[in-house]
Amino acid sequence: MDYDMVIIGSGSAGLPAGMYASRYKLKNVVIGAQPGWALATSHKVENWPGVLSASGKEIMDDFKAHAENAGSEILQDTVSSIEKIDWGFKVATTNKEISTRFVVLATGNTYRKLWVPGEAEFLWKWVSYCATCDGNFFKNRDIVLAGWWNTALTEALYLSELCSKVYLVHRRDTFRAEDIWVEQAKKRDNIEFVLNEEVDHLEGSMFLEKVVLKSWKELAADWFFVAIGSDPSVSLVKDLNPDMDDENCLIVDKRQESSVKWLYAAGDVTTNSNKFKQTIMSAAEWCLAADSIHEDMLRG
């Protein structure tokens, strides 16, 4: 057996898992194509305890250094498949095959995109997919939020407490969200419903200046939020047939273990922590997963 524990995903869940596993003297490797994952692309983070303000890359560089200093091996590679065997798993990457007793999945989620011109160009500077993460940077500014379902309404309500104006763009004349969120949004003076409209493109030079709709109506804005949901990155384990909920999140127990023996998961791919997709939750869940695996090793 090459490792006690293979951690798939080198972001805010995977790197703390490696650090804790190393402290428990578990031989582990953290595998990820891009160290830091999504958080490393954030221009500024102000909700990580003890750090008043830093770029996502700075925080993830510290995560990586901490894991390596504790004894974790960091492998910049892509996992192509996971095979269950009697005593554990075989994990295939682009360059090698690894045997391990435990696999821990920390692959996060993928935000759904609108795929409109300007979205990619302004990404993480003036375009965001997480109001909780970035809304605080645009206090007293005008923003546009495009979306539907509960996510759009709850994020609009949150942003309305920070921003001067929130334009909520929706492609229909009614929402599929719960009535309570719709009614609360209607009561906010600074939320303007822009219904039966879709975003055509974003415009700006150095900064985002306006969001242009398909009707050619223009909304002046300092930031653009997309709230159309996300998809957990679980394709690697689907052939193992773990229990998943209706949103394709892995169902895990209080120890972060899935229904597949020795397959653990944490962060955005799981049903735990009320699906609150924040760095602090991912890190905490993976510390718990590493502790649980240590207990399993002690039991033999």
Protein backbone atom coordinates (compact mmCIF):
# COMPACT_ATOMS: atom_id res chain seq x y z
CA MET A 1 0.00 0.00 0.00
CA ASP A 2 1.49 3.34 -1.09
CA TYR A 3 -0.45 5.59 1.30
CA ASP A 4 -2.77 5.43 4.26
CA MET A 5 -4.82 8.23 2.75
CA VAL A 6 -5.19 9.83 -0.68
CA ILE A 7 -6.81 13.27 -0.62
CA ILE A 8 -8.33 14.32 -3.93
CA GLY A 9 -8.51 18.10 -4.18
CA SER A 10 -5.87 20.61 -3.13
CA GLY A 11 -8.10 23.43 -1.98
CA SER A 12 -9.46 24.69 1.33
CA ALA A 13 -10.69 21.22 2.27
CA GLY A 14 -7.93 18.99 0.94
CA LEU A 15 -4.90 20.87 2.29
CA PRO A 16 -6.15 21.02 5.92
CA ALA A 17 -6.97 17.31 5.65
CA GLY A 18 -3.38 16.63 4.68
CA MET A 19 -2.06 18.78 7.50
CA TYR A 20 -4.19 17.00 10.12
CA ALA A 21 -3.46 13.56 8.65
CA SER A 22 0.26 14.28 8.87
CA ARG A 23 -0.09 15.34 12.50
CA TYR A 24 -1.69 11.93 13.12
CA LYS A 25 1.29 10.28 11.39
CA LEU A 26 -0.86 9.04 8.51
CA LYS A 27 1.09 8.79 5.27
CA ASN A 28 -0.89 10.95 2.84
CA VAL A 29 -0.78 12.66 -0.52
CA VAL A 30 -2.88 15.63 -1.62
CA ILE A 31 -3.64 15.49 -5.36
CA GLY A 32 -4.95 18.44 -7.34
CA ALA A 33 -4.46 19.99 -10.75
CA GLN A 34 -4.37 23.50 -9.32
CA PRO A 35 -3.15 24.13 -5.76
CA GLY A 36 -5.65 26.34 -3.98
CA TRP A 37 -8.50 25.65 -6.41
CA ALA A 38 -11.24 28.31 -6.61
CA LEU A 39 -10.24 30.30 -3.55
CA ALA A 40 -6.80 30.96 -5.03
CA THR A 41 -8.47 33.05 -7.74
CA SER A 42 -10.25 35.39 -5.29
CA HIS A 43 -8.74 38.86 -5.38
CA LYS A 44 -9.45 39.45 -1.70
CA VAL A 45 -10.67 37.42 1.29
CA GLU A 46 -11.84 39.07 4.50
CA ASN A 47 -13.75 36.29 6.26
CA TRP A 48 -10.93 33.93 7.21
CA PRO A 49 -10.42 34.19 11.01
CA GLY A 50 -7.23 35.94 12.03
CA VAL A 51 -6.58 37.42 8.60
CA LEU A 52 -8.12 40.87 8.20
CA SER A 53 -7.55 41.00 4.46
CA ALA A 54 -5.50 38.96 1.98
CA SER A 55 -5.77 37.58 -1.50
CA GLY A 56 -7.12 34.07 -1.90
CA LYS A 57 -3.76 33.02 -3.33
CA GLU A 58 -1.92 34.24 -0.23
CA ILE A 59 -4.23 32.26 2.04
CA MET A 60 -3.99 29.11 -0.06
CA ASP A 61 -0.20 29.42 -0.29
CA ASP A 62 -0.18 29.39 3.52
CA PHE A 63 -2.50 26.33 3.54
CA LYS A 64 -0.13 24.53 1.18
CA ALA A 65 2.97 25.46 3.16
CA HIS A 66 1.32 24.32 6.40
CA ALA A 67 0.37 20.93 4.92
CA GLU A 68 3.86 20.39 3.47
CA ASN A 69 5.53 21.47 6.71
CA ALA A 70 3.43 18.93 8.61
CA GLY A 71 4.57 16.18 6.25
CA SER A 72 1.99 15.95 3.47
CA GLU A 73 3.07 15.19 -0.07
CA ILE A 74 1.49 17.56 -2.62
CA LEU A 75 1.06 16.12 -6.11
CA GLN A 76 0.03 18.50 -8.89
CA ASP A 77 -1.82 16.04 -11.11
CA THR A 78 -5.34 15.02 -12.16
CA VAL A 79 -7.12 11.92 -10.87
CA SER A 80 -8.73 9.96 -13.70
CA SER A 81 -10.36 7.07 -11.83
CA ILE A 82 -10.91 5.43 -8.43
CA GLU A 83 -11.31 1.65 -8.10
CA LYS A 84 -12.55 -0.06 -4.92
CA ILE A 85 -10.58 -3.14 -3.91
CA ASP A 86 -10.80 -5.45 -0.88
CA TRP A 87 -8.45 -3.54 1.40
CA GLY A 88 -8.91 -0.02 0.03
CA PHE A 89 -8.66 1.74 -3.33
CA LYS A 90 -6.57 2.12 -6.43
CA VAL A 91 -6.35 5.72 -7.59
CA ALA A 92 -5.18 6.43 -11.13
CA THR A 93 -3.79 9.83 -12.09
CA THR A 94 -2.49 11.17 -15.37
CA ASN A 95 1.00 9.88 -14.55
CA LYS A 96 0.75 7.02 -12.05
CA GLU A 97 -1.39 4.53 -10.13
CA ILE A 98 -1.55 4.72 -6.35
CA SER A 99 -2.83 2.26 -3.76
CA THR A 100 -4.38 3.53 -0.53
CA ARG A 101 -6.49 2.38 2.41
CA PHE A 102 -8.64 5.53 2.49
CA VAL A 103 -9.79 8.03 -0.11
CA VAL A 104 -11.00 11.46 0.91
CA LEU A 105 -12.86 13.52 -1.70
CA ALA A 106 -12.36 17.29 -1.57
CA THR A 107 -13.20 18.24 -5.14
CA GLY A 108 -15.61 21.07 -4.31
CA ASN A 109 -18.26 22.31 -6.67
CA THR A 110 -18.49 24.02 -10.04
CA TYR A 111 -20.53 27.21 -10.29
CA ARG A 112 -22.99 27.31 -13.16
CA LYS A 113 -22.23 30.12 -15.55
CA LEU A 114 -24.34 32.22 -17.90
CA TRP A 115 -21.68 32.03 -20.64
CA VAL A 116 -22.28 35.60 -21.80
CA PRO A 117 -19.60 37.88 -23.31
CA GLY A 118 -17.65 39.69 -20.63
CA GLU A 119 -18.38 37.14 -17.89
CA ALA A 120 -15.03 35.38 -18.19
CA GLU A 121 -13.07 38.59 -18.78
CA PHE A 122 -14.31 40.18 -15.54
CA LEU A 123 -14.29 36.94 -13.52
CA TRP A 124 -13.31 37.33 -9.83
CA LYS A 125 -12.67 41.04 -10.32
CA TRP A 126 -16.17 42.33 -11.01
CA VAL A 127 -18.04 39.08 -11.53
CA SER A 128 -18.79 36.68 -8.69
CA TYR A 129 -20.81 33.54 -8.00
CA CYS A 130 -20.91 33.93 -4.21
CA ALA A 131 -22.56 36.94 -2.56
CA THR A 132 -21.49 35.83 0.93
CA CYS A 133 -17.88 35.73 -0.25
CA ASP A 134 -17.68 39.03 -2.14
CA GLY A 135 -20.66 41.21 -1.31
CA ASN A 136 -18.87 42.99 1.49
CA PHE A 137 -16.42 44.55 -1.00
CA PHE A 138 -19.22 46.53 -2.62
CA LYS A 139 -20.91 48.32 0.22
CA ASN A 140 -23.02 51.27 -0.90
CA ARG A 141 -22.55 50.43 -4.59
CA ASP A 142 -24.96 49.37 -7.34
CA ILE A 143 -24.90 45.73 -8.38
CA VAL A 144 -26.76 43.42 -10.76
CA LEU A 145 -27.68 39.88 -9.77
CA ALA A 146 -28.94 37.38 -12.34
CA GLY A 147 -30.65 34.23 -11.17
CA TRP A 148 -33.69 32.31 -10.12
CA TRP A 149 -34.81 29.85 -7.43
CA ASN A 150 -34.09 30.38 -3.72
CA THR A 151 -30.39 31.15 -4.23
CA ALA A 152 -31.09 34.31 -6.20
CA LEU A 153 -33.63 35.65 -3.70
CA THR A 154 -31.59 34.93 -0.58
CA GLU A 155 -28.45 36.42 -2.11
CA ALA A 156 -30.38 39.50 -3.26
CA LEU A 157 -31.66 39.96 0.30
CA TYR A 158 -28.16 39.65 1.70
CA LEU A 159 -26.73 42.10 -0.84
CA SER A 160 -29.55 44.58 -0.21
CA GLU A 161 -28.21 45.01 3.33
CA LEU A 162 -24.83 46.08 1.93
CA CYS A 163 -25.39 47.70 -1.45
CA SER A 164 -27.19 50.86 -2.49
CA LYS A 165 -29.07 49.17 -5.30
CA VAL A 166 -29.67 45.55 -6.28
CA TYR A 167 -31.09 44.82 -9.74
CA LEU A 168 -32.47 41.28 -9.72
CA VAL A 169 -32.66 40.01 -13.31
CA HIS A 170 -34.92 37.03 -13.92
CA ARG A 171 -35.84 35.43 -17.23
CA ARG A 172 -39.50 34.90 -16.30
CA ASP A 173 -42.24 36.98 -14.73
CA THR A 174 -42.52 34.77 -11.63
CA PHE A 175 -39.99 33.00 -9.41
CA ARG A 176 -39.81 29.32 -8.54
CA ALA A 177 -38.40 30.27 -5.15
CA GLU A 178 -40.26 29.89 -1.87
CA ASP A 179 -42.89 32.58 -1.43
CA ILE A 180 -41.37 33.84 1.81
CA TRP A 181 -38.15 34.91 0.03
CA VAL A 182 -40.03 36.57 -2.81
CA GLU A 183 -42.23 38.53 -0.41
CA GLN A 184 -39.27 39.66 1.68
CA ALA A 185 -37.41 40.81 -1.44
CA LYS A 186 -40.42 42.81 -2.60
CA LYS A 187 -40.39 44.71 0.70
CA ARG A 188 -36.81 45.92 0.21
CA ASP A 189 -36.80 49.41 -1.29
CA ASN A 190 -33.38 48.94 -2.87
CA ILE A 191 -34.16 45.67 -4.69
CA GLU A 192 -35.55 46.26 -8.18
CA PHE A 193 -37.04 43.28 -9.99
CA VAL A 194 -36.08 43.16 -13.68
CA LEU A 195 -38.38 40.45 -14.99
CA ASN A 196 -38.76 38.74 -18.37
CA GLU A 197 -35.18 39.74 -19.12
CA GLU A 198 -31.90 37.93 -19.78
CA VAL A 199 -28.33 39.19 -19.71
CA ASP A 200 -26.79 39.67 -23.15
CA HIS A 201 -23.29 40.86 -22.25
CA LEU A 202 -21.17 42.91 -19.86
CA GLU A 203 -19.41 46.12 -20.80
CA GLY A 204 -16.52 48.07 -19.34
CA SER A 205 -12.91 49.02 -19.89
CA MET A 206 -10.75 48.74 -16.77
CA PHE A 207 -13.83 48.23 -14.59
CA LEU A 208 -17.29 46.81 -15.10
CA GLU A 209 -19.56 49.66 -16.13
CA LYS A 210 -22.87 48.16 -17.20
CA VAL A 211 -24.85 44.99 -17.77
CA VAL A 212 -26.66 44.94 -21.11
CA LEU A 213 -29.84 42.88 -21.38
CA LYS A 214 -31.18 41.13 -24.47
CA SER A 215 -33.83 43.84 -24.76
CA TRP A 216 -30.83 46.23 -25.00
CA LYS A 217 -31.81 47.81 -21.71
CA GLU A 218 -28.66 48.86 -19.82
CA LEU A 219 -28.11 48.58 -16.07
CA ALA A 220 -25.25 50.62 -14.62
CA ALA A 221 -23.40 48.45 -12.13
CA ASP A 222 -20.14 48.13 -10.21
CA TRP A 223 -20.39 44.34 -9.80
CA PHE A 224 -22.24 41.44 -11.35
CA PHE A 225 -23.37 38.39 -9.40
CA VAL A 226 -24.56 35.13 -10.95
CA ALA A 227 -26.86 33.04 -8.75
CA ILE A 228 -28.00 30.07 -10.80
CA GLY A 229 -26.60 27.34 -8.59
CA SER A 230 -23.64 25.00 -8.66
CA ASP A 231 -22.90 21.34 -9.23
CA PRO A 232 -20.84 19.18 -6.84
CA SER A 233 -17.80 17.63 -8.51
CA VAL A 234 -18.53 13.96 -7.79
CA SER A 235 -18.01 12.30 -11.19
CA LEU A 236 -14.92 10.43 -9.92
CA VAL A 237 -16.91 8.41 -7.38
CA LYS A 238 -20.18 7.82 -9.20
CA ASP A 239 -19.10 4.33 -10.30
CA LEU A 240 -18.65 3.44 -6.63
CA ASN A 241 -22.38 4.13 -6.14
CA PRO A 242 -22.26 6.18 -2.92
CA ASP A 243 -25.51 7.49 -1.50
CA MET A 244 -26.26 10.98 -2.84
CA ASP A 245 -29.10 13.43 -2.38
CA ASP A 246 -31.25 14.96 -5.13
CA GLU A 247 -28.59 17.62 -5.75
CA ASN A 248 -25.86 14.98 -6.26
CA CYS A 249 -24.11 15.83 -3.00
CA LEU A 250 -22.51 12.89 -1.19
CA ILE A 251 -24.46 11.89 1.90
CA VAL A 252 -21.98 11.58 4.74
CA ASP A 253 -22.39 10.76 8.42
CA LYS A 254 -21.21 12.84 11.37
CA ARG A 255 -17.70 11.42 10.86
CA GLN A 256 -17.68 12.57 7.20
CA GLU A 257 -17.77 8.97 5.93
CA SER A 258 -19.88 8.12 2.88
CA SER A 259 -21.91 4.95 2.39
CA VAL A 260 -18.87 3.41 0.66
CA LYS A 261 -16.54 1.96 3.29
CA TRP A 262 -13.31 4.00 3.67
CA LEU A 263 -14.52 6.73 1.29
CA TYR A 264 -14.73 10.04 3.12
CA ALA A 265 -15.73 13.46 1.81
CA ALA A 266 -16.00 17.04 3.02
CA GLY A 267 -16.64 20.54 1.83
CA ASP A 268 -18.92 21.54 -1.02
CA VAL A 269 -19.44 17.97 -2.28
CA THR A 270 -21.25 16.83 0.87
CA THR A 271 -24.58 17.23 2.65
CA ASN A 272 -23.01 18.33 5.93
CA SER A 273 -22.77 21.84 7.48
CA ASN A 274 -26.17 22.70 6.00
CA LYS A 275 -24.39 23.02 2.63
CA PHE A 276 -22.90 26.33 3.76
CA LYS A 277 -20.23 26.66 1.08
CA GLN A 278 -17.51 28.58 2.86
CA THR A 279 -13.79 27.97 3.28
CA ILE A 280 -14.02 27.72 7.05
CA MET A 281 -16.62 24.96 6.79
CA SER A 282 -14.59 22.96 4.25
CA ALA A 283 -11.47 23.14 6.40
CA ALA A 284 -13.36 22.12 9.55
CA GLU A 285 -15.03 19.14 7.86
CA TRP A 286 -11.72 17.87 6.56
CA CYS A 287 -10.09 18.13 9.97
CA LEU A 288 -12.95 16.00 11.24
CA ALA A 289 -12.49 13.51 8.39
CA ALA A 290 -8.78 13.13 9.15
CA ASP A 291 -9.56 12.58 12.82
CA SER A 292 -12.16 9.93 11.91
CA ILE A 293 -9.70 8.11 9.65
CA HIS A 294 -7.14 8.15 12.45
CA GLU A 295 -9.72 6.47 14.69
CA ASP A 296 -10.33 3.84 12.00
CA MET A 297 -6.62 3.15 11.74
CA LEU A 298 -6.37 2.65 15.51
CA ARG A 299 -9.20 0.14 15.38
CA GLY A 300 -7.31 -1.77 12.68
